[in-house]
């Protein structure tokens, strides 16, 4: 979980990160381009559920 930070600009994704679930359209756009990380865009509830269960149930990937 990451809050109040821009992972793309601060390059704060942990090494080995392949997928980032976000409720930010901006991050969903920039993460693949800047960090080469796949971004899944959904609601905050979608992101929290994915963090807890390890399964993405959001609509958009």
PDB file of N, CA and C in Angstrom:
ATOM      1  N   UNK A   1       0.853  -1.174   0.000  1.00  0.00           N
ATOM      2  CA  UNK A   1       0.000   0.000   0.000  1.00  0.00           C
ATOM      3  C   UNK A   1       0.896   1.235   0.000  1.00  0.00           C
ATOM      4  N   UNK A   2       0.502   2.187  -0.817  1.00  0.00           N
ATOM      5  CA  UNK A   2       1.241   3.440  -0.927  1.00  0.00           C
ATOM      6  C   UNK A   2       0.220   4.564  -0.912  1.00  0.00           C
ATOM      7  N   UNK A   3       0.430   5.543  -0.054  1.00  0.00           N
ATOM      8  CA  UNK A   3      -0.498   6.669   0.017  1.00  0.00           C
ATOM      9  C   UNK A   3       0.260   7.980  -0.077  1.00  0.00           C
ATOM     10  N   UNK A   4      -0.426   8.996  -0.559  1.00  0.00           N
ATOM     11  CA  UNK A   4       0.100  10.367  -0.610  1.00  0.00           C
ATOM     12  C   UNK A   4       1.465  10.471  -1.273  1.00  0.00           C
ATOM     13  N   UNK A   5       1.649   9.717  -2.326  1.00  0.00           N
ATOM     14  CA  UNK A   5       2.912   9.770  -3.050  1.00  0.00           C
ATOM     15  C   UNK A   5       2.648   9.453  -4.512  1.00  0.00           C
ATOM     16  N   UNK A   6       3.537   9.859  -5.365  1.00  0.00           N
ATOM     17  CA  UNK A   6       3.426   9.566  -6.787  1.00  0.00           C
ATOM     18  C   UNK A   6       4.462   8.491  -7.116  1.00  0.00           C
ATOM     19  N   UNK A   7       4.046   7.236  -7.223  1.00  0.00           N
ATOM     20  CA  UNK A   7       5.025   6.175  -7.456  1.00  0.00           C
ATOM     21  C   UNK A   7       5.767   6.321  -8.777  1.00  0.00           C
ATOM     22  N   UNK A   8       5.124   6.889  -9.773  1.00  0.00           N
ATOM     23  CA  UNK A   8       5.802   7.050 -11.063  1.00  0.00           C
ATOM     24  C   UNK A   8       6.937   8.061 -10.960  1.00  0.00           C
ATOM     25  N   UNK A   9       6.656   9.215 -10.408  1.00  0.00           N
ATOM     26  CA  UNK A   9       7.667  10.272 -10.338  1.00  0.00           C
ATOM     27  C   UNK A   9       8.719  10.009  -9.261  1.00  0.00           C
ATOM     28  N   UNK A  10       8.313   9.424  -8.152  1.00  0.00           N
ATOM     29  CA  UNK A  10       9.282   9.151  -7.085  1.00  0.00           C
ATOM     30  C   UNK A  10       9.980   7.812  -7.284  1.00  0.00           C
ATOM     31  N   UNK A  11       9.517   7.058  -8.292  1.00  0.00           N
ATOM     32  CA  UNK A  11      10.072   5.737  -8.592  1.00  0.00           C
ATOM     33  C   UNK A  11      10.129   4.878  -7.318  1.00  0.00           C
ATOM     34  N   UNK A  12       8.999   4.865  -6.601  1.00  0.00           N
ATOM     35  CA  UNK A  12       8.954   4.214  -5.302  1.00  0.00           C
ATOM     36  C   UNK A  12       8.345   2.815  -5.322  1.00  0.00           C
ATOM     37  N   UNK A  13       8.150   2.242  -6.498  1.00  0.00           N
ATOM     38  CA  UNK A  13       7.642   0.867  -6.556  1.00  0.00           C
ATOM     39  C   UNK A  13       8.761  -0.082  -6.111  1.00  0.00           C
ATOM     40  N   UNK A  14       8.440  -1.056  -5.280  1.00  0.00           N
ATOM     41  CA  UNK A  14       9.465  -2.003  -4.820  1.00  0.00           C
ATOM     42  C   UNK A  14      10.081  -2.770  -5.997  1.00  0.00           C
ATOM     43  N   UNK A  15      11.347  -3.124  -5.894  1.00  0.00           N
ATOM     44  CA  UNK A  15      11.979  -3.899  -6.964  1.00  0.00           C
ATOM     45  C   UNK A  15      11.185  -5.174  -7.253  1.00  0.00           C
ATOM     46  N   UNK A  16      11.032  -5.500  -8.520  1.00  0.00           N
ATOM     47  CA  UNK A  16      10.306  -6.699  -8.901  1.00  0.00           C
ATOM     48  C   UNK A  16       8.819  -6.504  -9.090  1.00  0.00           C
ATOM     49  N   UNK A  17       8.319  -5.286  -8.827  1.00  0.00           N
ATOM     50  CA  UNK A  17       6.896  -5.013  -9.000  1.00  0.00           C
ATOM     51  C   UNK A  17       6.532  -5.138 -10.469  1.00  0.00           C
ATOM     52  N   UNK A  18       5.483  -5.905 -10.758  1.00  0.00           N
ATOM     53  CA  UNK A  18       5.036  -6.106 -12.136  1.00  0.00           C
ATOM     54  C   UNK A  18       3.682  -5.470 -12.399  1.00  0.00           C
ATOM     55  N   UNK A  19       2.847  -5.379 -11.356  1.00  0.00           N
ATOM     56  CA  UNK A  19       1.494  -4.851 -11.499  1.00  0.00           C
ATOM     57  C   UNK A  19       1.215  -3.894 -10.348  1.00  0.00           C
ATOM     58  N   UNK A  20       0.529  -2.803 -10.657  1.00  0.00           N
ATOM     59  CA  UNK A  20       0.174  -1.799  -9.664  1.00  0.00           C
ATOM     60  C   UNK A  20      -1.320  -1.558  -9.782  1.00  0.00           C
ATOM     61  N   UNK A  21      -2.085  -1.756  -8.735  1.00  0.00           N
ATOM     62  CA  UNK A  21      -3.517  -1.448  -8.726  1.00  0.00           C
ATOM     63  C   UNK A  21      -3.670  -0.022  -8.204  1.00  0.00           C
ATOM     64  N   UNK A  22      -4.399   0.801  -8.925  1.00  0.00           N
ATOM     65  CA  UNK A  22      -4.527   2.204  -8.533  1.00  0.00           C
ATOM     66  C   UNK A  22      -5.937   2.737  -8.793  1.00  0.00           C
ATOM     67  N   UNK A  23      -6.311   3.716  -7.985  1.00  0.00           N
ATOM     68  CA  UNK A  23      -7.579   4.402  -8.214  1.00  0.00           C
ATOM     69  C   UNK A  23      -7.340   5.754  -8.883  1.00  0.00           C
ATOM     70  N   UNK A  24      -6.128   5.942  -9.391  1.00  0.00           N
ATOM     71  CA  UNK A  24      -5.741   7.192 -10.034  1.00  0.00           C
ATOM     72  C   UNK A  24      -5.563   6.984 -11.544  1.00  0.00           C
ATOM     73  N   UNK A  25      -6.373   7.679 -12.327  1.00  0.00           N
ATOM     74  CA  UNK A  25      -6.245   7.585 -13.785  1.00  0.00           C
ATOM     75  C   UNK A  25      -4.869   8.074 -14.230  1.00  0.00           C
ATOM     76  N   UNK A  26      -4.345   9.082 -13.560  1.00  0.00           N
ATOM     77  CA  UNK A  26      -3.019   9.615 -13.879  1.00  0.00           C
ATOM     78  C   UNK A  26      -1.962   8.529 -13.704  1.00  0.00           C
ATOM     79  N   UNK A  27      -2.006   7.818 -12.589  1.00  0.00           N
ATOM     80  CA  UNK A  27      -1.028   6.760 -12.346  1.00  0.00           C
ATOM     81  C   UNK A  27      -1.207   5.601 -13.326  1.00  0.00           C
ATOM     82  N   UNK A  28      -2.451   5.279 -13.635  1.00  0.00           N
ATOM     83  CA  UNK A  28      -2.703   4.198 -14.596  1.00  0.00           C
ATOM     84  C   UNK A  28      -2.097   4.531 -15.955  1.00  0.00           C
ATOM     85  N   UNK A  29      -2.019   5.802 -16.280  1.00  0.00           N
ATOM     86  CA  UNK A  29      -1.427   6.236 -17.542  1.00  0.00           C
ATOM     87  C   UNK A  29       0.105   6.251 -17.471  1.00  0.00           C
ATOM     88  N   UNK A  30       0.662   6.817 -16.399  1.00  0.00           N
ATOM     89  CA  UNK A  30       2.105   7.032 -16.325  1.00  0.00           C
ATOM     90  C   UNK A  30       2.932   5.841 -15.856  1.00  0.00           C
ATOM     91  N   UNK A  31       2.387   4.975 -15.017  1.00  0.00           N
ATOM     92  CA  UNK A  31       3.189   3.852 -14.508  1.00  0.00           C
ATOM     93  C   UNK A  31       3.756   2.965 -15.612  1.00  0.00           C
ATOM     94  N   UNK A  32       2.966   2.552 -16.595  1.00  0.00           N
ATOM     95  CA  UNK A  32       3.547   1.726 -17.654  1.00  0.00           C
ATOM     96  C   UNK A  32       4.639   2.458 -18.441  1.00  0.00           C
ATOM     97  N   UNK A  33       4.428   3.743 -18.717  1.00  0.00           N
ATOM     98  CA  UNK A  33       5.379   4.509 -19.516  1.00  0.00           C
ATOM     99  C   UNK A  33       6.675   4.811 -18.758  1.00  0.00           C
ATOM    100  N   UNK A  34       6.574   5.153 -17.501  1.00  0.00           N
ATOM    101  CA  UNK A  34       7.756   5.574 -16.740  1.00  0.00           C
ATOM    102  C   UNK A  34       8.464   4.403 -16.064  1.00  0.00           C
ATOM    103  N   UNK A  35       7.700   3.485 -15.475  1.00  0.00           N
ATOM    104  CA  UNK A  35       8.317   2.386 -14.728  1.00  0.00           C
ATOM    105  C   UNK A  35       8.199   1.030 -15.406  1.00  0.00           C
ATOM    106  N   UNK A  36       7.427   0.960 -16.497  1.00  0.00           N
ATOM    107  CA  UNK A  36       7.250  -0.326 -17.172  1.00  0.00           C
ATOM    108  C   UNK A  36       6.424  -1.311 -16.366  1.00  0.00           C
ATOM    109  N   UNK A  37       5.570  -0.780 -15.491  1.00  0.00           N
ATOM    110  CA  UNK A  37       4.721  -1.605 -14.630  1.00  0.00           C
ATOM    111  C   UNK A  37       3.304  -1.605 -15.192  1.00  0.00           C
ATOM    112  N   UNK A  38       2.677  -2.757 -15.258  1.00  0.00           N
ATOM    113  CA  UNK A  38       1.285  -2.825 -15.682  1.00  0.00           C
ATOM    114  C   UNK A  38       0.420  -2.157 -14.617  1.00  0.00           C
ATOM    115  N   UNK A  39      -0.541  -1.352 -15.039  1.00  0.00           N
ATOM    116  CA  UNK A  39      -1.407  -0.644 -14.093  1.00  0.00           C
ATOM    117  C   UNK A  39      -2.846  -1.095 -14.259  1.00  0.00           C
ATOM    118  N   UNK A  40      -3.468  -1.458 -13.160  1.00  0.00           N
ATOM    119  CA  UNK A  40      -4.880  -1.819 -13.142  1.00  0.00           C
ATOM    120  C   UNK A  40      -5.631  -0.682 -12.476  1.00  0.00           C
ATOM    121  N   UNK A  41      -6.614  -0.134 -13.153  1.00  0.00           N
ATOM    122  CA  UNK A  41      -7.359   1.025 -12.673  1.00  0.00           C
ATOM    123  C   UNK A  41      -8.729   0.596 -12.181  1.00  0.00           C
ATOM    124  N   UNK A  42      -9.054   0.988 -10.971  1.00  0.00           N
ATOM    125  CA  UNK A  42     -10.354   0.673 -10.389  1.00  0.00           C
ATOM    126  C   UNK A  42     -10.660   1.600  -9.230  1.00  0.00           C
ATOM    127  N   UNK A  43     -11.679   1.261  -8.492  1.00  0.00           N
ATOM    128  CA  UNK A  43     -12.061   2.071  -7.334  1.00  0.00           C
ATOM    129  C   UNK A  43     -11.096   1.799  -6.180  1.00  0.00           C
ATOM    130  N   UNK A  44     -11.158   2.645  -5.177  1.00  0.00           N
ATOM    131  CA  UNK A  44     -10.347   2.427  -3.982  1.00  0.00           C
ATOM    132  C   UNK A  44     -10.695   1.073  -3.362  1.00  0.00           C
ATOM    133  N   UNK A  45     -11.975   0.737  -3.353  1.00  0.00           N
ATOM    134  CA  UNK A  45     -12.408  -0.559  -2.811  1.00  0.00           C
ATOM    135  C   UNK A  45     -11.809  -1.711  -3.619  1.00  0.00           C
ATOM    136  N   UNK A  46     -11.770  -1.574  -4.965  1.00  0.00           N
ATOM    137  CA  UNK A  46     -11.144  -2.601  -5.810  1.00  0.00           C
ATOM    138  C   UNK A  46      -9.678  -2.794  -5.425  1.00  0.00           C
ATOM    139  N   UNK A  47      -8.973  -1.683  -5.233  1.00  0.00           N
ATOM    140  CA  UNK A  47      -7.540  -1.739  -4.914  1.00  0.00           C
ATOM    141  C   UNK A  47      -7.289  -2.365  -3.543  1.00  0.00           C
ATOM    142  N   UNK A  48      -8.077  -1.995  -2.554  1.00  0.00           N
ATOM    143  CA  UNK A  48      -7.918  -2.562  -1.215  1.00  0.00           C
ATOM    144  C   UNK A  48      -8.225  -4.056  -1.241  1.00  0.00           C
ATOM    145  N   UNK A  49      -9.281  -4.433  -1.937  1.00  0.00           N
ATOM    146  CA  UNK A  49      -9.638  -5.846  -2.047  1.00  0.00           C
ATOM    147  C   UNK A  49      -8.504  -6.639  -2.708  1.00  0.00           C
ATOM    148  N   UNK A  50      -7.908  -6.083  -3.754  1.00  0.00           N
ATOM    149  CA  UNK A  50      -6.797  -6.762  -4.434  1.00  0.00           C
ATOM    150  C   UNK A  50      -5.585  -6.889  -3.507  1.00  0.00           C
ATOM    151  N   UNK A  51      -5.331  -5.857  -2.705  1.00  0.00           N
ATOM    152  CA  UNK A  51      -4.197  -5.908  -1.772  1.00  0.00           C
ATOM    153  C   UNK A  51      -4.405  -6.975  -0.698  1.00  0.00           C
ATOM    154  N   UNK A  52      -5.629  -7.126  -0.248  1.00  0.00           N
ATOM    155  CA  UNK A  52      -5.934  -8.088   0.815  1.00  0.00           C
ATOM    156  C   UNK A  52      -6.009  -9.521   0.283  1.00  0.00           C
ATOM    157  N   UNK A  53      -6.630  -9.694  -0.882  1.00  0.00           N
ATOM    158  CA  UNK A  53      -6.866 -11.049  -1.398  1.00  0.00           C
ATOM    159  C   UNK A  53      -5.837 -11.518  -2.419  1.00  0.00           C
ATOM    160  N   UNK A  54      -5.141 -10.559  -3.046  1.00  0.00           N
ATOM    161  CA  UNK A  54      -4.211 -10.917  -4.105  1.00  0.00           C
ATOM    162  C   UNK A  54      -4.897 -11.208  -5.432  1.00  0.00           C
ATOM    163  N   UNK A  55      -6.191 -10.868  -5.515  1.00  0.00           N
ATOM    164  CA  UNK A  55      -6.979 -11.115  -6.724  1.00  0.00           C
ATOM    165  C   UNK A  55      -7.617  -9.818  -7.194  1.00  0.00           C
ATOM    166  N   UNK A  56      -7.442  -9.505  -8.480  1.00  0.00           N
ATOM    167  CA  UNK A  56      -8.057  -8.292  -9.030  1.00  0.00           C
ATOM    168  C   UNK A  56      -9.472  -8.599  -9.492  1.00  0.00           C
ATOM    169  N   UNK A  57     -10.442  -7.876  -8.931  1.00  0.00           N
ATOM    170  CA  UNK A  57     -11.843  -8.056  -9.303  1.00  0.00           C
ATOM    171  C   UNK A  57     -12.398  -6.810  -9.969  1.00  0.00           C
ATOM    172  N   UNK A  58     -11.557  -5.810 -10.179  1.00  0.00           N
ATOM    173  CA  UNK A  58     -11.993  -4.569 -10.805  1.00  0.00           C
ATOM    174  C   UNK A  58     -12.380  -4.802 -12.244  1.00  0.00           C
ATOM    175  N   UNK A  59     -13.059  -3.835 -12.804  1.00  0.00           N
ATOM    176  CA  UNK A  59     -13.548  -3.961 -14.173  1.00  0.00           C
ATOM    177  C   UNK A  59     -12.458  -3.755 -15.205  1.00  0.00           C
ATOM    178  N   UNK A  60     -11.536  -2.813 -14.976  1.00  0.00           N
ATOM    179  CA  UNK A  60     -10.550  -2.447 -15.974  1.00  0.00           C
ATOM    180  C   UNK A  60      -9.171  -2.985 -15.618  1.00  0.00           C
ATOM    181  N   UNK A  61      -8.505  -3.517 -16.642  1.00  0.00           N
ATOM    182  CA  UNK A  61      -7.125  -3.985 -16.451  1.00  0.00           C
ATOM    183  C   UNK A  61      -6.295  -3.486 -17.580  1.00  0.00           C
TER     184      UNK A  61
END
